[in-house]
PDB file of all heavy atoms in Angstrom:
ATOM      1  N   ARG A   1      39.286 -75.385 -13.266  1.00  0.00           N
ATOM      2  CA  ARG A   1      39.590 -73.918 -13.115  1.00  0.00           C
ATOM      3  C   ARG A   1      38.376 -73.236 -12.485  1.00  0.00           C
ATOM      4  O   ARG A   1      38.415 -72.032 -12.221  1.00  0.00           O
ATOM      5  CB  ARG A   1      39.794 -73.254 -14.405  1.00  0.00           C
ATOM      6  CG  ARG A   1      41.155 -73.671 -15.048  1.00  0.00           C
ATOM      7  CD  ARG A   1      42.312 -73.461 -14.111  1.00  0.00           C
ATOM      8  NE  ARG A   1      43.579 -73.821 -14.720  1.00  0.00           N
ATOM      9  CZ  ARG A   1      44.446 -73.000 -15.338  1.00  0.00           C
ATOM     10  NH1 ARG A   1      44.234 -71.728 -15.450  1.00  0.00           N
ATOM     11  NH2 ARG A   1      45.582 -73.400 -15.885  1.00  0.00           N
ATOM     12  N   GLY A   2      37.296 -73.887 -12.193  1.00  0.00           N
ATOM     13  CA  GLY A   2      36.061 -73.421 -11.535  1.00  0.00           C
ATOM     14  C   GLY A   2      35.399 -72.453 -12.383  1.00  0.00           C
ATOM     15  O   GLY A   2      34.801 -71.322 -12.008  1.00  0.00           O
ATOM     16  N   LEU A   3      35.241 -72.739 -13.655  1.00  0.00           N
ATOM     17  CA  LEU A   3      34.642 -71.822 -14.587  1.00  0.00           C
ATOM     18  C   LEU A   3      33.229 -72.182 -15.091  1.00  0.00           C
ATOM     19  O   LEU A   3      32.690 -71.687 -16.041  1.00  0.00           O
ATOM     20  CB  LEU A   3      35.622 -71.696 -15.845  1.00  0.00           C
ATOM     21  CG  LEU A   3      36.953 -70.964 -15.600  1.00  0.00           C
ATOM     22  CD1 LEU A   3      37.720 -71.101 -16.771  1.00  0.00           C
ATOM     23  CD2 LEU A   3      36.635 -69.354 -15.346  1.00  0.00           C
ATOM     24  N   GLN A   4      32.616 -73.157 -14.422  1.00  0.00           N
ATOM     25  CA  GLN A   4      31.316 -73.606 -14.818  1.00  0.00           C
ATOM     26  C   GLN A   4      30.266 -72.578 -14.876  1.00  0.00           C
ATOM     27  O   GLN A   4      29.650 -72.380 -15.957  1.00  0.00           O
ATOM     28  CB  GLN A   4      30.933 -74.698 -13.973  1.00  0.00           C
ATOM     29  CG  GLN A   4      31.730 -75.940 -13.832  1.00  0.00           C
ATOM     30  CD  GLN A   4      32.611 -76.035 -12.746  1.00  0.00           C
ATOM     31  OE1 GLN A   4      33.217 -74.942 -12.400  1.00  0.00           O
ATOM     32  NE2 GLN A   4      32.789 -77.143 -12.157  1.00  0.00           N
ATOM     33  N   LYS A   5      30.307 -71.699 -13.865  1.00  0.00           N
ATOM     34  CA  LYS A   5      29.339 -70.576 -13.854  1.00  0.00           C
ATOM     35  C   LYS A   5      29.615 -69.601 -14.845  1.00  0.00           C
ATOM     36  O   LYS A   5      28.705 -68.986 -15.634  1.00  0.00           O
ATOM     37  CB  LYS A   5      29.297 -69.922 -12.456  1.00  0.00           C
ATOM     38  CG  LYS A   5      28.214 -68.863 -12.334  1.00  0.00           C
ATOM     39  CD  LYS A   5      28.153 -68.346 -10.924  1.00  0.00           C
ATOM     40  CE  LYS A   5      27.113 -67.280 -10.747  1.00  0.00           C
ATOM     41  NZ  LYS A   5      27.082 -66.649  -9.416  1.00  0.00           N
ATOM     42  N   ASN A   6      30.923 -69.175 -15.105  1.00  0.00           N
ATOM     43  CA  ASN A   6      31.252 -68.251 -16.082  1.00  0.00           C
ATOM     44  C   ASN A   6      31.048 -68.633 -17.478  1.00  0.00           C
ATOM     45  O   ASN A   6      30.499 -67.892 -18.347  1.00  0.00           O
ATOM     46  CB  ASN A   6      32.770 -67.885 -15.895  1.00  0.00           C
ATOM     47  CG  ASN A   6      33.118 -67.348 -14.548  1.00  0.00           C
ATOM     48  OD1 ASN A   6      33.258 -68.192 -13.543  1.00  0.00           O
ATOM     49  ND2 ASN A   6      33.465 -66.144 -14.380  1.00  0.00           N
ATOM     50  N   TRP A   7      31.225 -69.938 -17.674  1.00  0.00           N
ATOM     51  CA  TRP A   7      30.972 -70.528 -19.047  1.00  0.00           C
ATOM     52  C   TRP A   7      29.538 -70.492 -19.302  1.00  0.00           C
ATOM     53  O   TRP A   7      29.097 -70.144 -20.465  1.00  0.00           O
ATOM     54  CB  TRP A   7      31.502 -71.903 -19.040  1.00  0.00           C
ATOM     55  CG  TRP A   7      31.649 -72.458 -20.504  1.00  0.00           C
ATOM     56  CD1 TRP A   7      30.650 -73.090 -21.170  1.00  0.00           C
ATOM     57  CD2 TRP A   7      32.738 -72.354 -21.359  1.00  0.00           C
ATOM     58  NE1 TRP A   7      31.030 -73.489 -22.369  1.00  0.00           N
ATOM     59  CE2 TRP A   7      32.354 -72.968 -22.567  1.00  0.00           C
ATOM     60  CE3 TRP A   7      33.973 -71.909 -21.299  1.00  0.00           C
ATOM     61  CZ2 TRP A   7      33.166 -73.083 -23.720  1.00  0.00           C
ATOM     62  CZ3 TRP A   7      34.966 -71.999 -22.349  1.00  0.00           C
ATOM     63  CH2 TRP A   7      34.478 -72.517 -23.492  1.00  0.00           C
ATOM     64  N   ALA A   8      28.768 -70.886 -18.372  1.00  0.00           N
ATOM     65  CA  ALA A   8      27.254 -70.874 -18.566  1.00  0.00           C
ATOM     66  C   ALA A   8      26.805 -69.538 -18.805  1.00  0.00           C
ATOM     67  O   ALA A   8      25.883 -69.241 -19.688  1.00  0.00           O
ATOM     68  CB  ALA A   8      26.544 -71.449 -17.401  1.00  0.00           C
ATOM     69  N   GLN A   9      27.258 -68.525 -18.150  1.00  0.00           N
ATOM     70  CA  GLN A   9      26.829 -67.032 -18.319  1.00  0.00           C
ATOM     71  C   GLN A   9      27.224 -66.564 -19.785  1.00  0.00           C
ATOM     72  O   GLN A   9      26.433 -65.931 -20.396  1.00  0.00           O
ATOM     73  CB  GLN A   9      27.399 -66.270 -17.297  1.00  0.00           C
ATOM     74  CG  GLN A   9      26.796 -66.374 -15.816  1.00  0.00           C
ATOM     75  CD  GLN A   9      27.528 -65.533 -14.931  1.00  0.00           C
ATOM     76  OE1 GLN A   9      28.522 -64.986 -14.984  1.00  0.00           O
ATOM     77  NE2 GLN A   9      26.828 -65.364 -13.597  1.00  0.00           N
ATOM     78  N   MET A  10      28.367 -66.919 -20.142  1.00  0.00           N
ATOM     79  CA  MET A  10      28.854 -66.564 -21.506  1.00  0.00           C
ATOM     80  C   MET A  10      27.996 -67.146 -22.572  1.00  0.00           C
ATOM     81  O   MET A  10      27.562 -66.490 -23.478  1.00  0.00           O
ATOM     82  CB  MET A  10      30.324 -67.049 -21.687  1.00  0.00           C
ATOM     83  CG  MET A  10      30.858 -66.671 -23.069  1.00  0.00           C
ATOM     84  SD  MET A  10      32.397 -67.690 -23.364  1.00  0.00           S
ATOM     85  CE  MET A  10      31.786 -69.315 -23.368  1.00  0.00           C
ATOM     86  N   LEU A  11      27.586 -68.523 -22.467  1.00  0.00           N
ATOM     87  CA  LEU A  11      26.707 -69.154 -23.376  1.00  0.00           C
ATOM     88  C   LEU A  11      25.370 -68.410 -23.356  1.00  0.00           C
ATOM     89  O   LEU A  11      24.704 -68.235 -24.427  1.00  0.00           O
ATOM     90  CB  LEU A  11      26.604 -70.618 -23.065  1.00  0.00           C
ATOM     91  CG  LEU A  11      27.771 -71.451 -23.325  1.00  0.00           C
ATOM     92  CD1 LEU A  11      27.565 -72.965 -22.896  1.00  0.00           C
ATOM     93  CD2 LEU A  11      28.237 -71.345 -24.805  1.00  0.00           C
ATOM     94  N   ASP A  12      24.868 -68.041 -22.216  1.00  0.00           N
ATOM     95  CA  ASP A  12      23.551 -67.399 -22.230  1.00  0.00           C
ATOM     96  C   ASP A  12      23.571 -66.069 -22.997  1.00  0.00           C
ATOM     97  O   ASP A  12      22.621 -65.694 -23.662  1.00  0.00           O
ATOM     98  CB  ASP A  12      23.135 -67.074 -20.843  1.00  0.00           C
ATOM     99  CG  ASP A  12      22.765 -68.362 -20.046  1.00  0.00           C
ATOM    100  OD1 ASP A  12      22.441 -69.315 -20.652  1.00  0.00           O
ATOM    101  OD2 ASP A  12      22.748 -68.276 -18.728  1.00  0.00           O
ATOM    102  N   THR A  13      24.693 -65.319 -22.927  1.00  0.00           N
ATOM    103  CA  THR A  13      24.834 -64.055 -23.651  1.00  0.00           C
ATOM    104  C   THR A  13      24.906 -64.316 -25.182  1.00  0.00           C
ATOM    105  O   THR A  13      24.175 -63.656 -25.835  1.00  0.00           O
ATOM    106  CB  THR A  13      26.060 -63.299 -23.162  1.00  0.00           C
ATOM    107  OG1 THR A  13      26.053 -63.140 -21.735  1.00  0.00           O
ATOM    108  CG2 THR A  13      26.170 -61.920 -23.938  1.00  0.00           C
ATOM    109  N   PHE A  14      25.646 -65.272 -25.515  1.00  0.00           N
ATOM    110  CA  PHE A  14      25.743 -65.652 -26.939  1.00  0.00           C
ATOM    111  C   PHE A  14      24.276 -66.028 -27.506  1.00  0.00           C
ATOM    112  O   PHE A  14      23.784 -65.699 -28.556  1.00  0.00           O
ATOM    113  CB  PHE A  14      26.704 -66.742 -27.181  1.00  0.00           C
ATOM    114  CG  PHE A  14      28.083 -66.230 -27.573  1.00  0.00           C
ATOM    115  CD1 PHE A  14      28.994 -66.218 -26.493  1.00  0.00           C
ATOM    116  CD2 PHE A  14      28.385 -65.765 -28.786  1.00  0.00           C
ATOM    117  CE1 PHE A  14      30.356 -65.724 -26.776  1.00  0.00           C
ATOM    118  CE2 PHE A  14      29.680 -65.397 -29.074  1.00  0.00           C
ATOM    119  CZ  PHE A  14      30.617 -65.324 -27.979  1.00  0.00           C
ATOM    120  N   ARG A  15      23.618 -66.822 -26.634  1.00  0.00           N
ATOM    121  CA  ARG A  15      22.289 -67.278 -27.043  1.00  0.00           C
ATOM    122  C   ARG A  15      21.298 -66.171 -27.156  1.00  0.00           C
ATOM    123  O   ARG A  15      20.529 -66.218 -28.164  1.00  0.00           O
ATOM    124  CB  ARG A  15      21.802 -68.307 -25.992  1.00  0.00           C
ATOM    125  CG  ARG A  15      20.377 -68.859 -26.278  1.00  0.00           C
ATOM    126  CD  ARG A  15      20.074 -70.017 -25.365  1.00  0.00           C
ATOM    127  NE  ARG A  15      18.721 -70.605 -25.683  1.00  0.00           N
ATOM    128  CZ  ARG A  15      18.354 -71.808 -25.468  1.00  0.00           C
ATOM    129  NH1 ARG A  15      19.368 -72.560 -25.033  1.00  0.00           N
ATOM    130  NH2 ARG A  15      17.134 -72.342 -25.691  1.00  0.00           N
ATOM    131  N   GLU A  16      21.324 -65.233 -26.276  1.00  0.00           N
ATOM    132  CA  GLU A  16      20.381 -64.101 -26.419  1.00  0.00           C
ATOM    133  C   GLU A  16      20.691 -63.266 -27.584  1.00  0.00           C
ATOM    134  O   GLU A  16      19.877 -62.776 -28.261  1.00  0.00           O
ATOM    135  CB  GLU A  16      20.496 -63.272 -25.024  1.00  0.00           C
ATOM    136  CG  GLU A  16      19.915 -63.890 -23.753  1.00  0.00           C
ATOM    137  CD  GLU A  16      20.204 -63.209 -22.654  1.00  0.00           C
ATOM    138  OE1 GLU A  16      20.718 -62.115 -22.650  1.00  0.00           O
ATOM    139  OE2 GLU A  16      19.853 -63.642 -21.528  1.00  0.00           O
ATOM    140  N   ALA A  17      22.089 -63.015 -27.882  1.00  0.00           N
ATOM    141  CA  ALA A  17      22.439 -62.266 -28.984  1.00  0.00           C
ATOM    142  C   ALA A  17      21.957 -62.893 -30.331  1.00  0.00           C
ATOM    143  O   ALA A  17      21.459 -62.249 -31.124  1.00  0.00           O
ATOM    144  CB  ALA A  17      23.830 -62.058 -29.092  1.00  0.00           C
ATOM    145  N   ALA A  18      22.215 -64.225 -30.411  1.00  0.00           N
ATOM    146  CA  ALA A  18      21.839 -64.958 -31.581  1.00  0.00           C
ATOM    147  C   ALA A  18      20.300 -65.031 -31.778  1.00  0.00           C
ATOM    148  O   ALA A  18      19.856 -65.213 -32.873  1.00  0.00           O
ATOM    149  CB  ALA A  18      22.341 -66.313 -31.509  1.00  0.00           C
ATOM    150  N   ALA A  19      19.582 -64.860 -30.782  1.00  0.00           N
ATOM    151  CA  ALA A  19      18.138 -64.927 -30.803  1.00  0.00           C
ATOM    152  C   ALA A  19      17.414 -63.713 -31.329  1.00  0.00           C
ATOM    153  O   ALA A  19      16.252 -63.758 -31.478  1.00  0.00           O
ATOM    154  CB  ALA A  19      17.508 -65.540 -29.478  1.00  0.00           C
ATOM    155  N   LEU A  20      18.106 -62.627 -31.314  1.00  0.00           N
ATOM    156  CA  LEU A  20      17.492 -61.335 -31.650  1.00  0.00           C
ATOM    157  C   LEU A  20      16.960 -61.453 -33.059  1.00  0.00           C
ATOM    158  O   LEU A  20      17.689 -61.878 -33.969  1.00  0.00           O
ATOM    159  CB  LEU A  20      18.456 -60.200 -31.554  1.00  0.00           C
ATOM    160  CG  LEU A  20      19.040 -59.887 -30.160  1.00  0.00           C
ATOM    161  CD1 LEU A  20      20.027 -58.784 -30.349  1.00  0.00           C
ATOM    162  CD2 LEU A  20      17.947 -59.296 -29.304  1.00  0.00           C
ATOM    163  N   SER A  21      15.628 -61.120 -33.314  1.00  0.00           N
ATOM    164  CA  SER A  21      14.969 -61.383 -34.539  1.00  0.00           C
ATOM    165  C   SER A  21      13.923 -60.337 -34.801  1.00  0.00           C
ATOM    166  O   SER A  21      12.717 -60.627 -34.648  1.00  0.00           O
ATOM    167  CB  SER A  21      14.501 -62.769 -34.704  1.00  0.00           C
ATOM    168  OG  SER A  21      14.020 -62.925 -36.027  1.00  0.00           O
ATOM    169  N   PRO A  22      14.272 -59.022 -34.967  1.00  0.00           N
ATOM    170  CA  PRO A  22      13.121 -58.070 -35.191  1.00  0.00           C
ATOM    171  C   PRO A  22      12.483 -58.316 -36.478  1.00  0.00           C
ATOM    172  O   PRO A  22      13.153 -58.843 -37.504  1.00  0.00           O
ATOM    173  CB  PRO A  22      13.941 -56.747 -35.209  1.00  0.00           C
ATOM    174  CG  PRO A  22      15.280 -57.068 -35.688  1.00  0.00           C
ATOM    175  CD  PRO A  22      15.558 -58.477 -35.098  1.00  0.00           C
ATOM    176  N   TRP A  23      11.180 -57.929 -36.619  1.00  0.00           N
ATOM    177  CA  TRP A  23      10.484 -58.104 -37.903  1.00  0.00           C
ATOM    178  C   TRP A  23      11.133 -57.188 -39.088  1.00  0.00           C
ATOM    179  O   TRP A  23      11.258 -57.751 -40.186  1.00  0.00           O
ATOM    180  CB  TRP A  23       9.032 -57.774 -37.663  1.00  0.00           C
ATOM    181  CG  TRP A  23       8.141 -58.054 -38.823  1.00  0.00           C
ATOM    182  CD1 TRP A  23       7.974 -59.282 -39.449  1.00  0.00           C
ATOM    183  CD2 TRP A  23       7.389 -57.102 -39.647  1.00  0.00           C
ATOM    184  NE1 TRP A  23       7.165 -59.144 -40.451  1.00  0.00           N
ATOM    185  CE2 TRP A  23       6.700 -57.880 -40.577  1.00  0.00           C
ATOM    186  CE3 TRP A  23       7.155 -55.751 -39.591  1.00  0.00           C
ATOM    187  CZ2 TRP A  23       5.940 -57.172 -41.583  1.00  0.00           C
ATOM    188  CZ3 TRP A  23       6.256 -55.128 -40.527  1.00  0.00           C
ATOM    189  CH2 TRP A  23       5.654 -55.849 -41.460  1.00  0.00           C
ATOM    190  N   VAL A  24      11.428 -56.048 -38.706  1.00  0.00           N
ATOM    191  CA  VAL A  24      12.190 -55.226 -39.603  1.00  0.00           C
ATOM    192  C   VAL A  24      13.332 -54.581 -38.950  1.00  0.00           C
ATOM    193  O   VAL A  24      13.128 -53.926 -37.750  1.00  0.00           O
ATOM    194  CB  VAL A  24      11.286 -54.080 -40.116  1.00  0.00           C
ATOM    195  CG1 VAL A  24      12.105 -53.058 -41.020  1.00  0.00           C
ATOM    196  CG2 VAL A  24      10.074 -54.592 -40.917  1.00  0.00           C
ATOM    197  N   VAL A  25      14.592 -54.639 -39.417  1.00  0.00           N
ATOM    198  CA  VAL A  25      15.723 -54.132 -38.815  1.00  0.00           C
ATOM    199  C   VAL A  25      15.836 -52.612 -38.970  1.00  0.00           C
ATOM    200  O   VAL A  25      15.776 -52.115 -40.108  1.00  0.00           O
ATOM    201  CB  VAL A  25      17.030 -54.737 -39.467  1.00  0.00           C
ATOM    202  CG1 VAL A  25      18.307 -54.072 -38.685  1.00  0.00           C
ATOM    203  CG2 VAL A  25      17.145 -56.258 -39.123  1.00  0.00           C
ATOM    204  N   VAL A  26      15.816 -51.879 -37.912  1.00  0.00           N
ATOM    205  CA  VAL A  26      15.845 -50.439 -37.913  1.00  0.00           C
ATOM    206  C   VAL A  26      17.138 -50.009 -37.385  1.00  0.00           C
ATOM    207  O   VAL A  26      17.545 -50.401 -36.313  1.00  0.00           O
ATOM    208  CB  VAL A  26      14.625 -49.897 -37.184  1.00  0.00           C
ATOM    209  CG1 VAL A  26      14.643 -48.261 -37.213  1.00  0.00           C
ATOM    210  CG2 VAL A  26      13.328 -50.354 -37.861  1.00  0.00           C
TER     211      VAL A  26
END
């Protein structure tokens, strides 16, 4: 379906979201 780029971009977003780690959550 030609979704390699879309899939990679989606994974990047999930990775960035999961990596958020503030010292104190405000």
